[in-house]
Amino acid sequence: MGLLDVLFGNKNDKIKDLLTRDAIIIDVRTVNEYKQGAKNIPLQVINGKINDIKKLNKPIITCCTSGMRSGSAASILKAQGIEAVNGGGWMSLSKKL
C-alpha cells in the first residue's frame, strides 16, 4: 500500500465497488482518440452533459489515455454531486474490468 492509498484510499477497491453497483464508464478522450469500451463524452464538453449524466443515476468511472483528463472529469462530476472516481488510463482500467 502506497502513501496515496493511505491518504485517498485504494483506487482499485473503489473501482471494484462502483462496478458492483453498475457504474457507467465515461471515456473523456476526444472522438479521434476514442476507440471502444465506454461511453464517450470528451472532457471539453462534459460540463454541458452534467444533466444527462445525472439522469443515468449511476456511479461514474472516468478514463482517458493517461489519467489526467479523467481526473479533471471526475473532479467536475464530483463538484456537481455525482459519485465519480478517476479510473485512470483506459489500458490500465480495461485490465480491471
N, C-alpha and C. Protein backbone atom coordinates (compact mmCIF):
# COMPACT_ATOMS: atom_id res chain seq x y z
N MET A 1 0.86 -1.17 0.00
CA MET A 1 0.00 0.00 0.00
C MET A 1 0.90 1.23 0.00
N GLY A 2 0.67 2.13 -0.94
CA GLY A 2 1.46 3.33 -1.06
C GLY A 2 0.88 4.48 -0.25
N LEU A 3 1.65 5.55 -0.17
CA LEU A 3 1.22 6.73 0.57
C LEU A 3 -0.09 7.29 0.04
N LEU A 4 -0.25 7.31 -1.29
CA LEU A 4 -1.50 7.82 -1.86
C LEU A 4 -2.70 6.97 -1.47
N ASP A 5 -2.49 5.65 -1.35
CA ASP A 5 -3.57 4.76 -0.90
C ASP A 5 -3.98 5.10 0.53
N VAL A 6 -2.99 5.40 1.36
CA VAL A 6 -3.28 5.76 2.75
C VAL A 6 -4.06 7.06 2.81
N LEU A 7 -3.65 8.03 1.99
CA LEU A 7 -4.29 9.34 2.00
C LEU A 7 -5.67 9.34 1.34
N PHE A 8 -5.81 8.63 0.23
CA PHE A 8 -7.03 8.74 -0.58
C PHE A 8 -7.81 7.44 -0.71
N GLY A 9 -7.32 6.36 -0.13
CA GLY A 9 -7.99 5.07 -0.28
C GLY A 9 -7.48 4.36 -1.52
N ASN A 10 -7.69 3.07 -1.58
CA ASN A 10 -7.22 2.27 -2.70
C ASN A 10 -8.16 2.41 -3.88
N LYS A 11 -7.64 2.95 -4.99
CA LYS A 11 -8.48 3.18 -6.18
C LYS A 11 -9.03 1.87 -6.73
N ASN A 12 -8.24 0.81 -6.71
CA ASN A 12 -8.73 -0.47 -7.23
C ASN A 12 -9.96 -0.94 -6.47
N ASP A 13 -9.93 -0.79 -5.14
CA ASP A 13 -11.09 -1.19 -4.34
C ASP A 13 -12.30 -0.32 -4.67
N LYS A 14 -12.08 0.98 -4.85
CA LYS A 14 -13.17 1.89 -5.18
C LYS A 14 -13.78 1.53 -6.54
N ILE A 15 -12.93 1.24 -7.53
CA ILE A 15 -13.42 0.87 -8.86
C ILE A 15 -14.24 -0.42 -8.78
N LYS A 16 -13.73 -1.41 -8.05
CA LYS A 16 -14.47 -2.67 -7.91
C LYS A 16 -15.83 -2.43 -7.26
N ASP A 17 -15.85 -1.59 -6.22
CA ASP A 17 -17.11 -1.28 -5.55
C ASP A 17 -18.10 -0.63 -6.51
N LEU A 18 -17.63 0.36 -7.28
CA LEU A 18 -18.53 1.04 -8.21
C LEU A 18 -19.03 0.09 -9.29
N LEU A 19 -18.17 -0.80 -9.76
CA LEU A 19 -18.59 -1.75 -10.79
C LEU A 19 -19.67 -2.69 -10.27
N THR A 20 -19.62 -3.06 -9.01
CA THR A 20 -20.68 -3.92 -8.46
C THR A 20 -22.00 -3.19 -8.39
N ARG A 21 -21.95 -1.85 -8.48
CA ARG A 21 -23.17 -1.04 -8.44
C ARG A 21 -23.50 -0.50 -9.83
N ASP A 22 -23.09 -1.23 -10.88
CA ASP A 22 -23.40 -0.91 -12.27
C ASP A 22 -22.91 0.48 -12.70
N ALA A 23 -21.70 0.83 -12.30
CA ALA A 23 -21.13 2.11 -12.67
C ALA A 23 -21.06 2.26 -14.19
N ILE A 24 -21.18 3.47 -14.64
CA ILE A 24 -21.02 3.82 -16.05
C ILE A 24 -19.59 4.30 -16.23
N ILE A 25 -18.90 3.81 -17.24
CA ILE A 25 -17.55 4.28 -17.54
C ILE A 25 -17.67 5.34 -18.62
N ILE A 26 -17.12 6.51 -18.34
CA ILE A 26 -17.13 7.61 -19.30
C ILE A 26 -15.70 7.87 -19.74
N ASP A 27 -15.46 7.72 -21.01
CA ASP A 27 -14.16 7.96 -21.63
C ASP A 27 -14.12 9.42 -22.05
N VAL A 28 -13.17 10.19 -21.53
CA VAL A 28 -13.14 11.62 -21.81
C VAL A 28 -12.08 12.01 -22.85
N ARG A 29 -11.59 11.00 -23.59
CA ARG A 29 -10.70 11.31 -24.70
C ARG A 29 -11.50 11.96 -25.83
N THR A 30 -10.81 12.57 -26.76
CA THR A 30 -11.50 13.15 -27.92
C THR A 30 -12.07 12.03 -28.78
N VAL A 31 -12.99 12.37 -29.65
CA VAL A 31 -13.61 11.37 -30.54
C VAL A 31 -12.53 10.66 -31.35
N ASN A 32 -11.51 11.37 -31.81
CA ASN A 32 -10.45 10.75 -32.60
C ASN A 32 -9.63 9.75 -31.79
N GLU A 33 -9.51 9.96 -30.48
CA GLU A 33 -8.76 9.03 -29.64
C GLU A 33 -9.61 7.85 -29.18
N TYR A 34 -10.90 8.08 -29.07
CA TYR A 34 -11.80 7.09 -28.52
C TYR A 34 -11.93 5.90 -29.45
N LYS A 35 -11.87 4.71 -28.90
CA LYS A 35 -11.97 3.53 -29.73
C LYS A 35 -13.07 2.58 -29.29
N GLN A 36 -13.12 2.26 -28.01
CA GLN A 36 -14.06 1.22 -27.59
C GLN A 36 -14.26 1.20 -26.10
N GLY A 37 -15.28 0.48 -25.66
CA GLY A 37 -15.41 0.07 -24.29
C GLY A 37 -16.12 0.97 -23.30
N ALA A 38 -16.44 2.19 -23.68
CA ALA A 38 -17.05 3.08 -22.71
C ALA A 38 -17.92 4.10 -23.42
N LYS A 39 -18.70 4.81 -22.65
CA LYS A 39 -19.48 5.93 -23.19
C LYS A 39 -18.50 7.07 -23.43
N ASN A 40 -18.56 7.69 -24.56
CA ASN A 40 -17.61 8.76 -24.89
C ASN A 40 -18.24 10.13 -24.69
N ILE A 41 -17.70 10.87 -23.73
CA ILE A 41 -18.05 12.27 -23.54
C ILE A 41 -16.72 13.01 -23.36
N PRO A 42 -16.20 13.65 -24.41
CA PRO A 42 -14.91 14.34 -24.29
C PRO A 42 -14.92 15.38 -23.16
N LEU A 43 -13.78 15.52 -22.51
CA LEU A 43 -13.64 16.45 -21.39
C LEU A 43 -14.11 17.85 -21.77
N GLN A 44 -13.85 18.25 -23.00
CA GLN A 44 -14.19 19.60 -23.45
C GLN A 44 -15.69 19.88 -23.39
N VAL A 45 -16.53 18.86 -23.38
CA VAL A 45 -17.98 19.07 -23.39
C VAL A 45 -18.68 18.49 -22.17
N ILE A 46 -17.91 17.96 -21.22
CA ILE A 46 -18.55 17.26 -20.09
C ILE A 46 -19.42 18.19 -19.25
N ASN A 47 -19.02 19.46 -19.11
CA ASN A 47 -19.85 20.41 -18.34
C ASN A 47 -21.25 20.54 -18.93
N GLY A 48 -21.35 20.48 -20.24
CA GLY A 48 -22.65 20.59 -20.89
C GLY A 48 -23.49 19.33 -20.83
N LYS A 49 -22.92 18.25 -20.32
CA LYS A 49 -23.61 16.95 -20.26
C LYS A 49 -23.96 16.55 -18.83
N ILE A 50 -23.74 17.44 -17.87
CA ILE A 50 -23.98 17.11 -16.46
C ILE A 50 -25.39 16.58 -16.23
N ASN A 51 -26.40 17.26 -16.76
CA ASN A 51 -27.78 16.80 -16.54
C ASN A 51 -28.02 15.42 -17.13
N ASP A 52 -27.46 15.15 -18.31
CA ASP A 52 -27.60 13.82 -18.92
C ASP A 52 -26.93 12.76 -18.05
N ILE A 53 -25.76 13.09 -17.51
CA ILE A 53 -25.03 12.14 -16.66
C ILE A 53 -25.81 11.89 -15.37
N LYS A 54 -26.37 12.95 -14.79
CA LYS A 54 -27.16 12.79 -13.57
C LYS A 54 -28.37 11.88 -13.83
N LYS A 55 -28.96 11.97 -15.01
CA LYS A 55 -30.12 11.14 -15.34
C LYS A 55 -29.77 9.65 -15.39
N LEU A 56 -28.51 9.33 -15.60
CA LEU A 56 -28.10 7.92 -15.61
C LEU A 56 -28.28 7.30 -14.23
N ASN A 57 -28.20 8.14 -13.20
CA ASN A 57 -28.43 7.72 -11.81
C ASN A 57 -27.56 6.53 -11.42
N LYS A 58 -26.28 6.58 -11.83
CA LYS A 58 -25.32 5.52 -11.52
C LYS A 58 -23.98 6.17 -11.19
N PRO A 59 -23.15 5.46 -10.41
CA PRO A 59 -21.80 5.98 -10.18
C PRO A 59 -21.02 5.99 -11.50
N ILE A 60 -20.02 6.84 -11.56
CA ILE A 60 -19.26 7.03 -12.79
C ILE A 60 -17.78 6.74 -12.56
N ILE A 61 -17.17 6.04 -13.50
CA ILE A 61 -15.73 5.84 -13.55
C ILE A 61 -15.26 6.54 -14.81
N THR A 62 -14.38 7.53 -14.67
CA THR A 62 -13.87 8.24 -15.83
C THR A 62 -12.55 7.61 -16.27
N CYS A 63 -12.25 7.70 -17.55
CA CYS A 63 -10.97 7.22 -18.05
C CYS A 63 -10.56 8.06 -19.25
N CYS A 64 -9.29 7.99 -19.58
CA CYS A 64 -8.76 8.69 -20.77
C CYS A 64 -7.53 7.92 -21.23
N THR A 65 -6.52 8.61 -21.69
CA THR A 65 -5.31 7.92 -22.12
C THR A 65 -4.34 7.72 -20.96
N SER A 66 -4.09 8.78 -20.20
CA SER A 66 -3.08 8.71 -19.14
C SER A 66 -3.64 8.84 -17.73
N GLY A 67 -4.85 9.37 -17.61
CA GLY A 67 -5.43 9.60 -16.29
C GLY A 67 -5.54 11.06 -15.92
N MET A 68 -4.95 11.93 -16.70
CA MET A 68 -5.00 13.37 -16.40
C MET A 68 -6.39 13.96 -16.67
N ARG A 69 -6.88 13.79 -17.88
CA ARG A 69 -8.19 14.34 -18.23
C ARG A 69 -9.30 13.66 -17.44
N SER A 70 -9.16 12.35 -17.22
CA SER A 70 -10.19 11.65 -16.45
C SER A 70 -10.20 12.13 -15.00
N GLY A 71 -9.05 12.54 -14.49
CA GLY A 71 -9.01 13.13 -13.15
C GLY A 71 -9.76 14.44 -13.11
N SER A 72 -9.57 15.25 -14.14
CA SER A 72 -10.30 16.52 -14.23
C SER A 72 -11.80 16.26 -14.35
N ALA A 73 -12.16 15.29 -15.17
CA ALA A 73 -13.58 14.97 -15.37
C ALA A 73 -14.21 14.47 -14.07
N ALA A 74 -13.51 13.60 -13.35
CA ALA A 74 -14.04 13.09 -12.08
C ALA A 74 -14.25 14.25 -11.10
N SER A 75 -13.32 15.19 -11.07
CA SER A 75 -13.46 16.34 -10.17
C SER A 75 -14.67 17.19 -10.55
N ILE A 76 -14.87 17.40 -11.83
CA ILE A 76 -16.03 18.17 -12.31
C ILE A 76 -17.32 17.48 -11.89
N LEU A 77 -17.38 16.16 -12.10
CA LEU A 77 -18.59 15.41 -11.77
C LEU A 77 -18.86 15.42 -10.26
N LYS A 78 -17.82 15.22 -9.47
CA LYS A 78 -17.98 15.24 -8.01
C LYS A 78 -18.49 16.60 -7.54
N ALA A 79 -17.96 17.67 -8.14
CA ALA A 79 -18.39 19.02 -7.76
C ALA A 79 -19.88 19.24 -8.05
N GLN A 80 -20.42 18.45 -8.98
CA GLN A 80 -21.84 18.54 -9.34
C GLN A 80 -22.69 17.51 -8.58
N GLY A 81 -22.09 16.85 -7.58
CA GLY A 81 -22.83 15.91 -6.76
C GLY A 81 -22.96 14.51 -7.34
N ILE A 82 -22.15 14.20 -8.32
CA ILE A 82 -22.19 12.88 -8.96
C ILE A 82 -21.08 12.03 -8.35
N GLU A 83 -21.41 10.81 -7.95
CA GLU A 83 -20.38 9.90 -7.42
C GLU A 83 -19.48 9.49 -8.58
N ALA A 84 -18.21 9.85 -8.49
CA ALA A 84 -17.29 9.58 -9.60
C ALA A 84 -15.90 9.26 -9.06
N VAL A 85 -15.18 8.44 -9.79
CA VAL A 85 -13.80 8.11 -9.47
C VAL A 85 -12.99 8.14 -10.77
N ASN A 86 -11.75 8.58 -10.67
CA ASN A 86 -10.85 8.59 -11.81
C ASN A 86 -10.31 7.18 -12.00
N GLY A 87 -10.71 6.54 -13.08
CA GLY A 87 -10.24 5.19 -13.39
C GLY A 87 -8.86 5.18 -14.02
N GLY A 88 -8.35 6.36 -14.38
CA GLY A 88 -7.02 6.45 -14.97
C GLY A 88 -7.04 6.19 -16.47
N GLY A 89 -5.94 5.69 -16.97
CA GLY A 89 -5.82 5.39 -18.39
C GLY A 89 -6.65 4.19 -18.79
N TRP A 90 -7.19 4.21 -20.01
CA TRP A 90 -8.05 3.13 -20.48
C TRP A 90 -7.34 1.78 -20.48
N MET A 91 -6.08 1.75 -20.89
CA MET A 91 -5.37 0.47 -20.96
C MET A 91 -5.27 -0.17 -19.58
N SER A 92 -4.99 0.61 -18.58
CA SER A 92 -4.91 0.11 -17.22
C SER A 92 -6.29 -0.27 -16.69
N LEU A 93 -7.27 0.59 -16.91
CA LEU A 93 -8.61 0.34 -16.42
C LEU A 93 -9.21 -0.91 -17.07
N SER A 94 -9.01 -1.08 -18.35
CA SER A 94 -9.63 -2.22 -19.04
C SER A 94 -9.16 -3.55 -18.48
N LYS A 95 -7.97 -3.60 -17.90
CA LYS A 95 -7.47 -4.83 -17.28
C LYS A 95 -8.19 -5.14 -15.98
N LYS A 96 -8.82 -4.12 -15.38
CA LYS A 96 -9.53 -4.31 -14.12
C LYS A 96 -10.99 -4.68 -14.32
N LEU A 97 -11.46 -4.61 -15.56
CA LEU A 97 -12.88 -4.84 -15.83
C LEU A 97 -13.20 -6.30 -16.04
